[in-house]
């Protein structure tokens, strides 16, 4: 969402940056499809 608001990147670049950032905080790519209620407290803080 912050990248969409910023409006600088294409949809493809945004998706790539999201997966890269999830990896940096220790979450596998498939977590991108999950909703917050499906995550533990620690995983939600990693998303934050």
ModelCIF file with pLDDT and N, C-alpha, C, O atoms, coordinates in Angstrom:
data_MODEL
#
_entry.id   MODEL 
#
_entity.id                         1 
_entity.type                       polymer 
_entity.pdbx_number_of_molecules   1 
#
_entity_poly.entity_id                      1 
_entity_poly.type                           'polypeptide(L)' 
_entity_poly.nstd_linkage                   no 
_entity_poly.nstd_monomer                   no 
_entity_poly.pdbx_seq_one_letter_code       
;(UNK)(UNK)(UNK)(UNK)(UNK)(UNK)(UNK)(UNK)(UNK)(UNK)(UNK)(UNK)(UNK)(UNK)(UNK)(UNK)
(UNK)(UNK)(UNK)(UNK)(UNK)(UNK)(UNK)(UNK)(UNK)(UNK)(UNK)(UNK)(UNK)(UNK)(UNK)(UNK)
(UNK)(UNK)(UNK)(UNK)(UNK)(UNK)(UNK)(UNK)(UNK)(UNK)(UNK)(UNK)(UNK)(UNK)(UNK)(UNK)
;
_entity_poly.pdbx_seq_one_letter_code_can   XXXXXXXXXXXXXXXXXXXXXXXXXXXXXXXXXXXXXXXXXXXXXXXX 
_entity_poly.pdbx_strand_id                 A 
#
loop_
_entity_poly_seq.entity_id 
_entity_poly_seq.num 
_entity_poly_seq.mon_id 
_entity_poly_seq.hetero 
1 1  UNK n 
1 2  UNK n 
1 3  UNK n 
1 4  UNK n 
1 5  UNK n 
1 6  UNK n 
1 7  UNK n 
1 8  UNK n 
1 9  UNK n 
1 10 UNK n 
1 11 UNK n 
1 12 UNK n 
1 13 UNK n 
1 14 UNK n 
1 15 UNK n 
1 16 UNK n 
1 17 UNK n 
1 18 UNK n 
1 19 UNK n 
1 20 UNK n 
1 21 UNK n 
1 22 UNK n 
1 23 UNK n 
1 24 UNK n 
1 25 UNK n 
1 26 UNK n 
1 27 UNK n 
1 28 UNK n 
1 29 UNK n 
1 30 UNK n 
1 31 UNK n 
1 32 UNK n 
1 33 UNK n 
1 34 UNK n 
1 35 UNK n 
1 36 UNK n 
1 37 UNK n 
1 38 UNK n 
1 39 UNK n 
1 40 UNK n 
1 41 UNK n 
1 42 UNK n 
1 43 UNK n 
1 44 UNK n 
1 45 UNK n 
1 46 UNK n 
1 47 UNK n 
1 48 UNK n 
#
_struct_asym.id          A 
_struct_asym.entity_id   1 
#
loop_
_ma_qa_metric.id 
_ma_qa_metric.mode 
_ma_qa_metric.name 
_ma_qa_metric.software_group_id 
_ma_qa_metric.type 
1 global pLDDT . pLDDT 
2 local  pLDDT . pLDDT 
#
_ma_qa_metric_global.metric_id      1 
_ma_qa_metric_global.metric_value   94.67 
_ma_qa_metric_global.model_id       1 
_ma_qa_metric_global.ordinal_id     1 
#
loop_
_ma_qa_metric_local.label_asym_id 
_ma_qa_metric_local.label_comp_id 
_ma_qa_metric_local.label_seq_id 
_ma_qa_metric_local.metric_id 
_ma_qa_metric_local.metric_value 
_ma_qa_metric_local.model_id 
_ma_qa_metric_local.ordinal_id 
A UNK 1  2 95.00 1 1  
A UNK 2  2 94.00 1 2  
A UNK 3  2 94.00 1 3  
A UNK 4  2 93.00 1 4  
A UNK 5  2 90.00 1 5  
A UNK 6  2 83.00 1 6  
A UNK 7  2 79.00 1 7  
A UNK 8  2 81.00 1 8  
A UNK 9  2 89.00 1 9  
A UNK 10 2 93.00 1 10 
A UNK 11 2 93.00 1 11 
A UNK 12 2 95.00 1 12 
A UNK 13 2 95.00 1 13 
A UNK 14 2 96.00 1 14 
A UNK 15 2 96.00 1 15 
A UNK 16 2 97.00 1 16 
A UNK 17 2 96.00 1 17 
A UNK 18 2 97.00 1 18 
A UNK 19 2 97.00 1 19 
A UNK 20 2 98.00 1 20 
A UNK 21 2 98.00 1 21 
A UNK 22 2 98.00 1 22 
A UNK 23 2 98.00 1 23 
A UNK 24 2 97.00 1 24 
A UNK 25 2 97.00 1 25 
A UNK 26 2 97.00 1 26 
A UNK 27 2 97.00 1 27 
A UNK 28 2 97.00 1 28 
A UNK 29 2 97.00 1 29 
A UNK 30 2 97.00 1 30 
A UNK 31 2 97.00 1 31 
A UNK 32 2 98.00 1 32 
A UNK 33 2 97.00 1 33 
A UNK 34 2 97.00 1 34 
A UNK 35 2 96.00 1 35 
A UNK 36 2 95.00 1 36 
A UNK 37 2 94.00 1 37 
A UNK 38 2 96.00 1 38 
A UNK 39 2 95.00 1 39 
A UNK 40 2 93.00 1 40 
A UNK 41 2 92.00 1 41 
A UNK 42 2 94.00 1 42 
A UNK 43 2 96.00 1 43 
A UNK 44 2 95.00 1 44 
A UNK 45 2 95.00 1 45 
A UNK 46 2 97.00 1 46 
A UNK 47 2 97.00 1 47 
A UNK 48 2 96.00 1 48 
#
loop_
_atom_site.group_PDB 
_atom_site.id 
_atom_site.type_symbol 
_atom_site.label_atom_id 
_atom_site.label_alt_id 
_atom_site.label_comp_id 
_atom_site.label_asym_id 
_atom_site.label_entity_id 
_atom_site.label_seq_id 
_atom_site.pdbx_PDB_ins_code 
_atom_site.Cartn_x 
_atom_site.Cartn_y 
_atom_site.Cartn_z 
_atom_site.occupancy 
_atom_site.B_iso_or_equiv 
_atom_site.pdbx_formal_charge 
_atom_site.auth_seq_id 
_atom_site.auth_comp_id 
_atom_site.auth_asym_id 
_atom_site.auth_atom_id 
_atom_site.pdbx_PDB_model_num 
ATOM 1   N N  . UNK A 1 1  ? 0.798  -1.228  0.000   1.00 95.00 ? 1  UNK A N  1 
ATOM 2   C CA . UNK A 1 1  ? 0.000  0.000   0.000   1.00 95.00 ? 1  UNK A CA 1 
ATOM 3   C C  . UNK A 1 1  ? 0.833  1.282   0.000   1.00 95.00 ? 1  UNK A C  1 
ATOM 4   O O  . UNK A 1 1  ? 0.531  2.182   -0.784  1.00 95.00 ? 1  UNK A O  1 
ATOM 5   N N  . UNK A 1 2  ? 1.875  1.414   0.844   1.00 94.00 ? 2  UNK A N  1 
ATOM 6   C CA . UNK A 1 2  ? 2.660  2.662   0.793   1.00 94.00 ? 2  UNK A CA 1 
ATOM 7   C C  . UNK A 1 2  ? 3.270  2.929   -0.577  1.00 94.00 ? 2  UNK A C  1 
ATOM 8   O O  . UNK A 1 2  ? 3.408  4.087   -0.972  1.00 94.00 ? 2  UNK A O  1 
ATOM 9   N N  . UNK A 1 3  ? 3.639  1.877   -1.311  1.00 94.00 ? 3  UNK A N  1 
ATOM 10  C CA . UNK A 1 3  ? 4.212  2.058   -2.646  1.00 94.00 ? 3  UNK A CA 1 
ATOM 11  C C  . UNK A 1 3  ? 3.146  2.514   -3.637  1.00 94.00 ? 3  UNK A C  1 
ATOM 12  O O  . UNK A 1 3  ? 3.425  3.308   -4.534  1.00 94.00 ? 3  UNK A O  1 
ATOM 13  N N  . UNK A 1 4  ? 1.917  2.006   -3.470  1.00 93.00 ? 4  UNK A N  1 
ATOM 14  C CA . UNK A 1 4  ? 0.829  2.470   -4.342  1.00 93.00 ? 4  UNK A CA 1 
ATOM 15  C C  . UNK A 1 4  ? 0.546  3.950   -4.105  1.00 93.00 ? 4  UNK A C  1 
ATOM 16  O O  . UNK A 1 4  ? 0.341  4.715   -5.048  1.00 93.00 ? 4  UNK A O  1 
ATOM 17  N N  . UNK A 1 5  ? 0.538  4.343   -2.823  1.00 90.00 ? 5  UNK A N  1 
ATOM 18  C CA . UNK A 1 5  ? 0.279  5.740   -2.491  1.00 90.00 ? 5  UNK A CA 1 
ATOM 19  C C  . UNK A 1 5  ? 1.401  6.628   -3.030  1.00 90.00 ? 5  UNK A C  1 
ATOM 20  O O  . UNK A 1 5  ? 1.156  7.716   -3.551  1.00 90.00 ? 5  UNK A O  1 
ATOM 21  N N  . UNK A 1 6  ? 2.629  6.142   -2.895  1.00 83.00 ? 6  UNK A N  1 
ATOM 22  C CA . UNK A 1 6  ? 3.786  6.899   -3.370  1.00 83.00 ? 6  UNK A CA 1 
ATOM 23  C C  . UNK A 1 6  ? 3.738  7.078   -4.889  1.00 83.00 ? 6  UNK A C  1 
ATOM 24  O O  . UNK A 1 6  ? 4.127  8.117   -5.422  1.00 83.00 ? 6  UNK A O  1 
ATOM 25  N N  . UNK A 1 7  ? 3.243  6.024   -5.578  1.00 79.00 ? 7  UNK A N  1 
ATOM 26  C CA . UNK A 1 7  ? 2.978  6.128   -7.005  1.00 79.00 ? 7  UNK A CA 1 
ATOM 27  C C  . UNK A 1 7  ? 4.184  6.148   -7.915  1.00 79.00 ? 7  UNK A C  1 
ATOM 28  O O  . UNK A 1 7  ? 4.086  6.587   -9.061  1.00 79.00 ? 7  UNK A O  1 
ATOM 29  N N  . UNK A 1 8  ? 5.320  5.681   -7.429  1.00 81.00 ? 8  UNK A N  1 
ATOM 30  C CA . UNK A 1 8  ? 6.545  5.775   -8.228  1.00 81.00 ? 8  UNK A CA 1 
ATOM 31  C C  . UNK A 1 8  ? 6.819  4.515   -9.043  1.00 81.00 ? 8  UNK A C  1 
ATOM 32  O O  . UNK A 1 8  ? 7.485  4.577   -10.076 1.00 81.00 ? 8  UNK A O  1 
ATOM 33  N N  . UNK A 1 9  ? 6.310  3.375   -8.585  1.00 89.00 ? 9  UNK A N  1 
ATOM 34  C CA . UNK A 1 9  ? 6.720  2.097   -9.159  1.00 89.00 ? 9  UNK A CA 1 
ATOM 35  C C  . UNK A 1 9  ? 5.582  1.441   -9.940  1.00 89.00 ? 9  UNK A C  1 
ATOM 36  O O  . UNK A 1 9  ? 4.406  1.670   -9.658  1.00 89.00 ? 9  UNK A O  1 
ATOM 37  N N  . UNK A 1 10 ? 5.952  0.623   -10.923 1.00 93.00 ? 10 UNK A N  1 
ATOM 38  C CA . UNK A 1 10 ? 4.976  -0.174  -11.656 1.00 93.00 ? 10 UNK A CA 1 
ATOM 39  C C  . UNK A 1 10 ? 4.454  -1.288  -10.756 1.00 93.00 ? 10 UNK A C  1 
ATOM 40  O O  . UNK A 1 10 ? 5.039  -1.580  -9.713  1.00 93.00 ? 10 UNK A O  1 
ATOM 41  N N  . UNK A 1 11 ? 3.348  -1.907  -11.167 1.00 93.00 ? 11 UNK A N  1 
ATOM 42  C CA . UNK A 1 11 ? 2.768  -2.990  -10.382 1.00 93.00 ? 11 UNK A CA 1 
ATOM 43  C C  . UNK A 1 11 ? 3.766  -4.133  -10.227 1.00 93.00 ? 11 UNK A C  1 
ATOM 44  O O  . UNK A 1 11 ? 3.873  -4.727  -9.153  1.00 93.00 ? 11 UNK A O  1 
ATOM 45  N N  . UNK A 1 12 ? 4.493  -4.440  -11.292 1.00 95.00 ? 12 UNK A N  1 
ATOM 46  C CA . UNK A 1 12 ? 5.474  -5.526  -11.240 1.00 95.00 ? 12 UNK A CA 1 
ATOM 47  C C  . UNK A 1 12 ? 6.602  -5.200  -10.255 1.00 95.00 ? 12 UNK A C  1 
ATOM 48  O O  . UNK A 1 12 ? 7.023  -6.062  -9.484  1.00 95.00 ? 12 UNK A O  1 
ATOM 49  N N  . UNK A 1 13 ? 7.086  -3.964  -10.285 1.00 95.00 ? 13 UNK A N  1 
ATOM 50  C CA . UNK A 1 13 ? 8.154  -3.566  -9.370  1.00 95.00 ? 13 UNK A CA 1 
ATOM 51  C C  . UNK A 1 13 ? 7.656  -3.559  -7.928  1.00 95.00 ? 13 UNK A C  1 
ATOM 52  O O  . UNK A 1 13 ? 8.395  -3.936  -7.018  1.00 95.00 ? 13 UNK A O  1 
ATOM 53  N N  . UNK A 1 14 ? 6.418  -3.136  -7.711  1.00 96.00 ? 14 UNK A N  1 
ATOM 54  C CA . UNK A 1 14 ? 5.857  -3.150  -6.351  1.00 96.00 ? 14 UNK A CA 1 
ATOM 55  C C  . UNK A 1 14 ? 5.807  -4.568  -5.799  1.00 96.00 ? 14 UNK A C  1 
ATOM 56  O O  . UNK A 1 14 ? 6.197  -4.804  -4.656  1.00 96.00 ? 14 UNK A O  1 
ATOM 57  N N  . UNK A 1 15 ? 5.328  -5.511  -6.605  1.00 96.00 ? 15 UNK A N  1 
ATOM 58  C CA . UNK A 1 15 ? 5.228  -6.905  -6.157  1.00 96.00 ? 15 UNK A CA 1 
ATOM 59  C C  . UNK A 1 15 ? 6.604  -7.446  -5.807  1.00 96.00 ? 15 UNK A C  1 
ATOM 60  O O  . UNK A 1 15 ? 6.771  -8.147  -4.809  1.00 96.00 ? 15 UNK A O  1 
ATOM 61  N N  . UNK A 1 16 ? 7.595  -7.115  -6.641  1.00 97.00 ? 16 UNK A N  1 
ATOM 62  C CA . UNK A 1 16 ? 8.962  -7.578  -6.395  1.00 97.00 ? 16 UNK A CA 1 
ATOM 63  C C  . UNK A 1 16 ? 9.487  -7.020  -5.076  1.00 97.00 ? 16 UNK A C  1 
ATOM 64  O O  . UNK A 1 16 ? 10.103 -7.742  -4.291  1.00 97.00 ? 16 UNK A O  1 
ATOM 65  N N  . UNK A 1 17 ? 9.239  -5.735  -4.835  1.00 96.00 ? 17 UNK A N  1 
ATOM 66  C CA . UNK A 1 17 ? 9.713  -5.110  -3.597  1.00 96.00 ? 17 UNK A CA 1 
ATOM 67  C C  . UNK A 1 17 ? 9.013  -5.698  -2.369  1.00 96.00 ? 17 UNK A C  1 
ATOM 68  O O  . UNK A 1 17 ? 9.632  -5.847  -1.315  1.00 96.00 ? 17 UNK A O  1 
ATOM 69  N N  . UNK A 1 18 ? 7.738  -6.029  -2.500  1.00 97.00 ? 18 UNK A N  1 
ATOM 70  C CA . UNK A 1 18 ? 7.012  -6.630  -1.383  1.00 97.00 ? 18 UNK A CA 1 
ATOM 71  C C  . UNK A 1 18 ? 7.619  -7.982  -1.008  1.00 97.00 ? 18 UNK A C  1 
ATOM 72  O O  . UNK A 1 18 ? 7.866  -8.248  0.168   1.00 97.00 ? 18 UNK A O  1 
ATOM 73  N N  . UNK A 1 19 ? 7.857  -8.830  -1.999  1.00 97.00 ? 19 UNK A N  1 
ATOM 74  C CA . UNK A 1 19 ? 8.428  -10.154 -1.722  1.00 97.00 ? 19 UNK A CA 1 
ATOM 75  C C  . UNK A 1 19 ? 9.821  -10.023 -1.122  1.00 97.00 ? 19 UNK A C  1 
ATOM 76  O O  . UNK A 1 19 ? 10.178 -10.760 -0.203  1.00 97.00 ? 19 UNK A O  1 
ATOM 77  N N  . UNK A 1 20 ? 10.610 -9.081  -1.642  1.00 98.00 ? 20 UNK A N  1 
ATOM 78  C CA . UNK A 1 20 ? 11.948 -8.846  -1.096  1.00 98.00 ? 20 UNK A CA 1 
ATOM 79  C C  . UNK A 1 20 ? 11.875 -8.392  0.362   1.00 98.00 ? 20 UNK A C  1 
ATOM 80  O O  . UNK A 1 20 ? 12.667 -8.841  1.191   1.00 98.00 ? 20 UNK A O  1 
ATOM 81  N N  . UNK A 1 21 ? 10.932 -7.506  0.677   1.00 98.00 ? 21 UNK A N  1 
ATOM 82  C CA . UNK A 1 21 ? 10.829 -7.016  2.041   1.00 98.00 ? 21 UNK A CA 1 
ATOM 83  C C  . UNK A 1 21 ? 10.312 -8.092  2.988   1.00 98.00 ? 21 UNK A C  1 
ATOM 84  O O  . UNK A 1 21 ? 10.761 -8.174  4.131   1.00 98.00 ? 21 UNK A O  1 
ATOM 85  N N  . UNK A 1 22 ? 9.379  -8.913  2.531   1.00 98.00 ? 22 UNK A N  1 
ATOM 86  C CA . UNK A 1 22 ? 8.921  -10.021 3.368   1.00 98.00 ? 22 UNK A CA 1 
ATOM 87  C C  . UNK A 1 22 ? 10.088 -10.956 3.693   1.00 98.00 ? 22 UNK A C  1 
ATOM 88  O O  . UNK A 1 22 ? 10.214 -11.437 4.819   1.00 98.00 ? 22 UNK A O  1 
ATOM 89  N N  . UNK A 1 23 ? 10.930 -11.203 2.707   1.00 98.00 ? 23 UNK A N  1 
ATOM 90  C CA . UNK A 1 23 ? 12.103 -12.047 2.942   1.00 98.00 ? 23 UNK A CA 1 
ATOM 91  C C  . UNK A 1 23 ? 13.032 -11.411 3.970   1.00 98.00 ? 23 UNK A C  1 
ATOM 92  O O  . UNK A 1 23 ? 13.577 -12.108 4.826   1.00 98.00 ? 23 UNK A O  1 
ATOM 93  N N  . UNK A 1 24 ? 13.216 -10.100 3.891   1.00 97.00 ? 24 UNK A N  1 
ATOM 94  C CA . UNK A 1 24 ? 14.102 -9.415  4.820   1.00 97.00 ? 24 UNK A CA 1 
ATOM 95  C C  . UNK A 1 24 ? 13.600 -9.514  6.269   1.00 97.00 ? 24 UNK A C  1 
ATOM 96  O O  . UNK A 1 24 ? 14.399 -9.564  7.203   1.00 97.00 ? 24 UNK A O  1 
ATOM 97  N N  . UNK A 1 25 ? 12.278 -9.543  6.446   1.00 97.00 ? 25 UNK A N  1 
ATOM 98  C CA . UNK A 1 25 ? 11.739 -9.639  7.811   1.00 97.00 ? 25 UNK A CA 1 
ATOM 99  C C  . UNK A 1 25 ? 11.460 -11.080 8.221   1.00 97.00 ? 25 UNK A C  1 
ATOM 100 O O  . UNK A 1 25 ? 10.886 -11.322 9.282   1.00 97.00 ? 25 UNK A O  1 
ATOM 101 N N  . UNK A 1 26 ? 11.863 -12.044 7.384   1.00 97.00 ? 26 UNK A N  1 
ATOM 102 C CA . UNK A 1 26 ? 11.780 -13.444 7.770   1.00 97.00 ? 26 UNK A CA 1 
ATOM 103 C C  . UNK A 1 26 ? 10.473 -14.129 7.466   1.00 97.00 ? 26 UNK A C  1 
ATOM 104 O O  . UNK A 1 26 ? 10.107 -15.081 8.154   1.00 97.00 ? 26 UNK A O  1 
ATOM 105 N N  . UNK A 1 27 ? 9.749  -13.667 6.444   1.00 97.00 ? 27 UNK A N  1 
ATOM 106 C CA . UNK A 1 27 ? 8.488  -14.293 6.058   1.00 97.00 ? 27 UNK A CA 1 
ATOM 107 C C  . UNK A 1 27 ? 8.591  -14.813 4.626   1.00 97.00 ? 27 UNK A C  1 
ATOM 108 O O  . UNK A 1 27 ? 9.020  -14.078 3.736   1.00 97.00 ? 27 UNK A O  1 
ATOM 109 N N  . UNK A 1 28 ? 8.201  -16.078 4.387   1.00 97.00 ? 28 UNK A N  1 
ATOM 110 C CA . UNK A 1 28 ? 8.263  -16.644 3.039   1.00 97.00 ? 28 UNK A CA 1 
ATOM 111 C C  . UNK A 1 28 ? 7.294  -15.948 2.085   1.00 97.00 ? 28 UNK A C  1 
ATOM 112 O O  . UNK A 1 28 ? 6.337  -15.320 2.539   1.00 97.00 ? 28 UNK A O  1 
ATOM 113 N N  . UNK A 1 29 ? 7.521  -16.046 0.769   1.00 97.00 ? 29 UNK A N  1 
ATOM 114 C CA . UNK A 1 29 ? 6.683  -15.351 -0.215  1.00 97.00 ? 29 UNK A CA 1 
ATOM 115 C C  . UNK A 1 29 ? 5.199  -15.694 -0.106  1.00 97.00 ? 29 UNK A C  1 
ATOM 116 O O  . UNK A 1 29 ? 4.350  -14.837 -0.353  1.00 97.00 ? 29 UNK A O  1 
ATOM 117 N N  . UNK A 1 30 ? 4.875  -16.938 0.262   1.00 97.00 ? 30 UNK A N  1 
ATOM 118 C CA . UNK A 1 30 ? 3.471  -17.338 0.315   1.00 97.00 ? 30 UNK A CA 1 
ATOM 119 C C  . UNK A 1 30 ? 2.671  -16.590 1.385   1.00 97.00 ? 30 UNK A C  1 
ATOM 120 O O  . UNK A 1 30 ? 1.441  -16.588 1.353   1.00 97.00 ? 30 UNK A O  1 
ATOM 121 N N  . UNK A 1 31 ? 3.366  -15.957 2.325   1.00 97.00 ? 31 UNK A N  1 
ATOM 122 C CA . UNK A 1 31 ? 2.660  -15.185 3.357   1.00 97.00 ? 31 UNK A CA 1 
ATOM 123 C C  . UNK A 1 31 ? 1.996  -13.946 2.772   1.00 97.00 ? 31 UNK A C  1 
ATOM 124 O O  . UNK A 1 31 ? 1.124  -13.353 3.407   1.00 97.00 ? 31 UNK A O  1 
ATOM 125 N N  . UNK A 1 32 ? 2.400  -13.546 1.565   1.00 98.00 ? 32 UNK A N  1 
ATOM 126 C CA . UNK A 1 32 ? 1.769  -12.397 0.923   1.00 98.00 ? 32 UNK A CA 1 
ATOM 127 C C  . UNK A 1 32 ? 0.282  -12.634 0.690   1.00 98.00 ? 32 UNK A C  1 
ATOM 128 O O  . UNK A 1 32 ? -0.489 -11.678 0.606   1.00 98.00 ? 32 UNK A O  1 
ATOM 129 N N  . UNK A 1 33 ? -0.131 -13.894 0.583   1.00 97.00 ? 33 UNK A N  1 
ATOM 130 C CA . UNK A 1 33 ? -1.531 -14.218 0.310   1.00 97.00 ? 33 UNK A CA 1 
ATOM 131 C C  . UNK A 1 33 ? -2.363 -14.388 1.582   1.00 97.00 ? 33 UNK A C  1 
ATOM 132 O O  . UNK A 1 33 ? -3.581 -14.553 1.513   1.00 97.00 ? 33 UNK A O  1 
ATOM 133 N N  . UNK A 1 34 ? -1.707 -14.348 2.738   1.00 97.00 ? 34 UNK A N  1 
ATOM 134 C CA . UNK A 1 34 ? -2.425 -14.557 3.992   1.00 97.00 ? 34 UNK A CA 1 
ATOM 135 C C  . UNK A 1 34 ? -2.997 -13.240 4.524   1.00 97.00 ? 34 UNK A C  1 
ATOM 136 O O  . UNK A 1 34 ? -2.572 -12.154 4.130   1.00 97.00 ? 34 UNK A O  1 
ATOM 137 N N  . UNK A 1 35 ? -3.970 -13.368 5.428   1.00 96.00 ? 35 UNK A N  1 
ATOM 138 C CA . UNK A 1 35 ? -4.537 -12.209 6.096   1.00 96.00 ? 35 UNK A CA 1 
ATOM 139 C C  . UNK A 1 35 ? -4.031 -12.156 7.536   1.00 96.00 ? 35 UNK A C  1 
ATOM 140 O O  . UNK A 1 35 ? -3.615 -13.177 8.084   1.00 96.00 ? 35 UNK A O  1 
ATOM 141 N N  . UNK A 1 36 ? -4.064 -10.972 8.155   1.00 95.00 ? 36 UNK A N  1 
ATOM 142 C CA . UNK A 1 36 ? -3.489 -10.829 9.496   1.00 95.00 ? 36 UNK A CA 1 
ATOM 143 C C  . UNK A 1 36 ? -3.999 -11.839 10.522  1.00 95.00 ? 36 UNK A C  1 
ATOM 144 O O  . UNK A 1 36 ? -3.243 -12.273 11.391  1.00 95.00 ? 36 UNK A O  1 
ATOM 145 N N  . UNK A 1 37 ? -5.272 -12.215 10.428  1.00 94.00 ? 37 UNK A N  1 
ATOM 146 C CA . UNK A 1 37 ? -5.827 -13.157 11.411  1.00 94.00 ? 37 UNK A CA 1 
ATOM 147 C C  . UNK A 1 37 ? -5.193 -14.542 11.312  1.00 94.00 ? 37 UNK A C  1 
ATOM 148 O O  . UNK A 1 37 ? -5.302 -15.338 12.245  1.00 94.00 ? 37 UNK A O  1 
ATOM 149 N N  . UNK A 1 38 ? -4.535 -14.836 10.195  1.00 96.00 ? 38 UNK A N  1 
ATOM 150 C CA . UNK A 1 38 ? -3.895 -16.135 10.001  1.00 96.00 ? 38 UNK A CA 1 
ATOM 151 C C  . UNK A 1 38 ? -2.467 -16.162 10.532  1.00 96.00 ? 38 UNK A C  1 
ATOM 152 O O  . UNK A 1 38 ? -1.794 -17.189 10.441  1.00 96.00 ? 38 UNK A O  1 
ATOM 153 N N  . UNK A 1 39 ? -2.004 -15.062 11.079  1.00 95.00 ? 39 UNK A N  1 
ATOM 154 C CA . UNK A 1 39 ? -0.622 -14.950 11.528  1.00 95.00 ? 39 UNK A CA 1 
ATOM 155 C C  . UNK A 1 39 ? -0.541 -14.916 13.045  1.00 95.00 ? 39 UNK A C  1 
ATOM 156 O O  . UNK A 1 39 ? -1.493 -14.529 13.723  1.00 95.00 ? 39 UNK A O  1 
ATOM 157 N N  . UNK A 1 40 ? 0.605  -15.323 13.566  1.00 93.00 ? 40 UNK A N  1 
ATOM 158 C CA . UNK A 1 40 ? 0.888  -15.181 14.998  1.00 93.00 ? 40 UNK A CA 1 
ATOM 159 C C  . UNK A 1 40 ? 1.227  -13.725 15.304  1.00 93.00 ? 40 UNK A C  1 
ATOM 160 O O  . UNK A 1 40 ? 1.415  -12.919 14.393  1.00 93.00 ? 40 UNK A O  1 
ATOM 161 N N  . UNK A 1 41 ? 1.305  -13.396 16.585  1.00 92.00 ? 41 UNK A N  1 
ATOM 162 C CA . UNK A 1 41 ? 1.660  -12.037 16.977  1.00 92.00 ? 41 UNK A CA 1 
ATOM 163 C C  . UNK A 1 41 ? 3.015  -11.617 16.448  1.00 92.00 ? 41 UNK A C  1 
ATOM 164 O O  . UNK A 1 41 ? 3.176  -10.495 15.967  1.00 92.00 ? 41 UNK A O  1 
ATOM 165 N N  . UNK A 1 42 ? 3.985  -12.504 16.530  1.00 94.00 ? 42 UNK A N  1 
ATOM 166 C CA . UNK A 1 42 ? 5.314  -12.182 16.029  1.00 94.00 ? 42 UNK A CA 1 
ATOM 167 C C  . UNK A 1 42 ? 5.330  -11.989 14.527  1.00 94.00 ? 42 UNK A C  1 
ATOM 168 O O  . UNK A 1 42 ? 6.017  -11.102 14.020  1.00 94.00 ? 42 UNK A O  1 
ATOM 169 N N  . UNK A 1 43 ? 4.569  -12.821 13.800  1.00 96.00 ? 43 UNK A N  1 
ATOM 170 C CA . UNK A 1 43 ? 4.497  -12.676 12.348  1.00 96.00 ? 43 UNK A CA 1 
ATOM 171 C C  . UNK A 1 43 ? 3.817  -11.372 11.965  1.00 96.00 ? 43 UNK A C  1 
ATOM 172 O O  . UNK A 1 43 ? 4.226  -10.719 11.005  1.00 96.00 ? 43 UNK A O  1 
ATOM 173 N N  . UNK A 1 44 ? 2.777  -10.985 12.711  1.00 95.00 ? 44 UNK A N  1 
ATOM 174 C CA . UNK A 1 44 ? 2.109  -9.717  12.428  1.00 95.00 ? 44 UNK A CA 1 
ATOM 175 C C  . UNK A 1 44 ? 3.059  -8.542  12.656  1.00 95.00 ? 44 UNK A C  1 
ATOM 176 O O  . UNK A 1 44 ? 3.039  -7.569  11.902  1.00 95.00 ? 44 UNK A O  1 
ATOM 177 N N  . UNK A 1 45 ? 3.888  -8.634  13.696  1.00 95.00 ? 45 UNK A N  1 
ATOM 178 C CA . UNK A 1 45 ? 4.831  -7.545  13.920  1.00 95.00 ? 45 UNK A CA 1 
ATOM 179 C C  . UNK A 1 45 ? 5.875  -7.502  12.817  1.00 95.00 ? 45 UNK A C  1 
ATOM 180 O O  . UNK A 1 45 ? 6.334  -6.420  12.450  1.00 95.00 ? 45 UNK A O  1 
ATOM 181 N N  . UNK A 1 46 ? 6.257  -8.647  12.282  1.00 97.00 ? 46 UNK A N  1 
ATOM 182 C CA . UNK A 1 46 ? 7.174  -8.664  11.139  1.00 97.00 ? 46 UNK A CA 1 
ATOM 183 C C  . UNK A 1 46 ? 6.548  -7.961  9.931   1.00 97.00 ? 46 UNK A C  1 
ATOM 184 O O  . UNK A 1 46 ? 7.223  -7.244  9.193   1.00 97.00 ? 46 UNK A O  1 
ATOM 185 N N  . UNK A 1 47 ? 5.242  -8.181  9.748   1.00 97.00 ? 47 UNK A N  1 
ATOM 186 C CA . UNK A 1 47 ? 4.538  -7.482  8.669   1.00 97.00 ? 47 UNK A CA 1 
ATOM 187 C C  . UNK A 1 47 ? 4.541  -5.974  8.932   1.00 97.00 ? 47 UNK A C  1 
ATOM 188 O O  . UNK A 1 47 ? 4.767  -5.180  8.019   1.00 97.00 ? 47 UNK A O  1 
ATOM 189 N N  . UNK A 1 48 ? 4.287  -5.586  10.188  1.00 96.00 ? 48 UNK A N  1 
ATOM 190 C CA . UNK A 1 48 ? 4.312  -4.170  10.533  1.00 96.00 ? 48 UNK A CA 1 
ATOM 191 C C  . UNK A 1 48 ? 5.660  -3.531  10.261  1.00 96.00 ? 48 UNK A C  1 
ATOM 192 O O  . UNK A 1 48 ? 5.837  -2.337  10.502  1.00 96.00 ? 48 UNK A O  1 
#
